[in-house]
Amino acid sequence: MWELRFSRFLTFVLHDYDDTVVLSWSFSLGDYVDERGWRSSLTDLSTAEIYPKHDVRLPLDIEAVGAEINRIRGSLRLDLGDPSL
């Protein structure tokens, strides 16, 4: 298992198997919200994290892993002021 702390809030975890890897991630939502001075209706925001619904299985290929990390980063971009939400 390999862990990459991408930022203070985002962590990627790579599980290495014989012929494939499984990539997952977590985002420390509680710390992110607290650092910005925001509040939430959650009682214990300090433990609030978000995770993917499904992890991704990839071939043993560094370029495939890099492409998936970039895809995940793109999917995490969220404009809370976007009226289309």
Protein backbone atom coordinates (compact mmCIF):
# COMPACT_ATOMS: atom_id res chain seq x y z
CA MET A 1 0.00 0.00 0.00
CA TRP A 2 1.27 3.45 -0.94
CA GLU A 3 -0.07 6.76 0.33
CA LEU A 4 0.35 10.17 -1.30
CA ARG A 5 -0.65 13.24 0.72
CA PHE A 6 -1.41 15.37 -2.32
CA SER A 7 -2.38 18.39 -0.23
CA ARG A 8 -3.39 19.17 3.36
CA PHE A 9 -6.85 17.82 2.55
CA LEU A 10 -6.50 15.28 -0.30
CA THR A 11 -4.84 11.88 0.09
CA PHE A 12 -4.48 9.17 -2.56
CA VAL A 13 -3.99 5.52 -1.58
CA LEU A 14 -2.65 2.92 -4.00
CA HIS A 15 -3.03 -0.78 -3.19
CA ASP A 16 -0.47 -2.83 -5.13
CA TYR A 17 -1.49 -6.34 -6.23
CA ASP A 18 0.33 -8.82 -8.48
CA ASP A 19 -0.90 -7.54 -11.84
CA THR A 20 -3.05 -4.50 -11.00
CA VAL A 21 -3.34 -1.60 -8.58
CA VAL A 22 -6.42 -0.18 -6.87
CA LEU A 23 -6.53 3.59 -6.44
CA SER A 24 -8.66 5.35 -3.85
CA TRP A 25 -8.69 8.78 -2.27
CA SER A 26 -10.08 10.71 0.70
CA PHE A 27 -10.71 14.41 1.23
CA SER A 28 -10.71 15.88 4.75
CA LEU A 29 -13.88 17.90 4.39
CA GLY A 30 -14.03 18.84 8.08
CA ASP A 31 -10.56 20.38 8.09
CA TYR A 32 -11.27 22.15 4.79
CA VAL A 33 -14.49 23.70 6.10
CA ASP A 34 -12.95 24.65 9.45
CA GLU A 35 -9.93 26.34 7.86
CA ARG A 36 -12.25 28.59 5.88
CA GLY A 37 -14.23 29.60 8.96
CA TRP A 38 -17.38 27.87 7.74
CA ARG A 39 -19.86 25.88 9.79
CA SER A 40 -21.75 22.68 9.06
CA SER A 41 -24.79 20.98 10.52
CA LEU A 42 -22.64 17.95 11.34
CA THR A 43 -22.02 17.55 15.07
CA ASP A 44 -18.41 16.39 14.77
CA LEU A 45 -17.05 18.01 11.64
CA SER A 46 -13.46 17.13 12.58
CA THR A 47 -13.94 13.57 11.32
CA ALA A 48 -15.92 14.40 8.17
CA GLU A 49 -14.26 12.97 5.06
CA ILE A 50 -15.49 12.22 1.59
CA TYR A 51 -14.49 9.14 -0.40
CA PRO A 52 -15.28 7.75 -3.83
CA LYS A 53 -18.26 5.45 -4.14
CA HIS A 54 -16.03 2.95 -5.98
CA ASP A 55 -12.28 2.55 -6.09
CA VAL A 56 -10.60 2.18 -9.49
CA ARG A 57 -8.61 -0.89 -10.59
CA LEU A 58 -5.79 -0.02 -12.99
CA PRO A 59 -2.98 -1.85 -14.78
CA LEU A 60 0.53 -1.73 -13.33
CA ASP A 61 1.37 1.39 -15.32
CA ILE A 62 2.52 4.70 -13.85
CA GLU A 63 0.95 6.65 -16.73
CA ALA A 64 -2.45 5.04 -16.07
CA VAL A 65 -2.18 5.94 -12.38
CA GLY A 66 -1.18 9.52 -13.21
CA ALA A 67 -4.05 9.90 -15.67
CA GLU A 68 -6.53 8.61 -13.07
CA ILE A 69 -5.21 11.01 -10.42
CA ASN A 70 -5.68 13.88 -12.89
CA ARG A 71 -9.23 12.67 -13.68
CA ILE A 72 -10.07 12.53 -9.97
CA ARG A 73 -8.64 15.99 -9.33
CA GLY A 74 -10.80 17.35 -12.16
CA SER A 75 -13.91 15.72 -10.71
CA LEU A 76 -13.28 17.34 -7.30
CA ARG A 77 -13.43 20.86 -8.70
CA LEU A 78 -16.63 22.43 -7.46
CA ASP A 79 -17.82 26.02 -7.70
CA LEU A 80 -20.21 26.41 -4.76
CA GLY A 81 -21.48 29.65 -6.28
CA ASP A 82 -22.44 28.01 -9.58
CA PRO A 83 -26.20 28.63 -10.06
CA SER A 84 -26.54 25.40 -12.04
CA LEU A 85 -25.94 23.37 -8.88
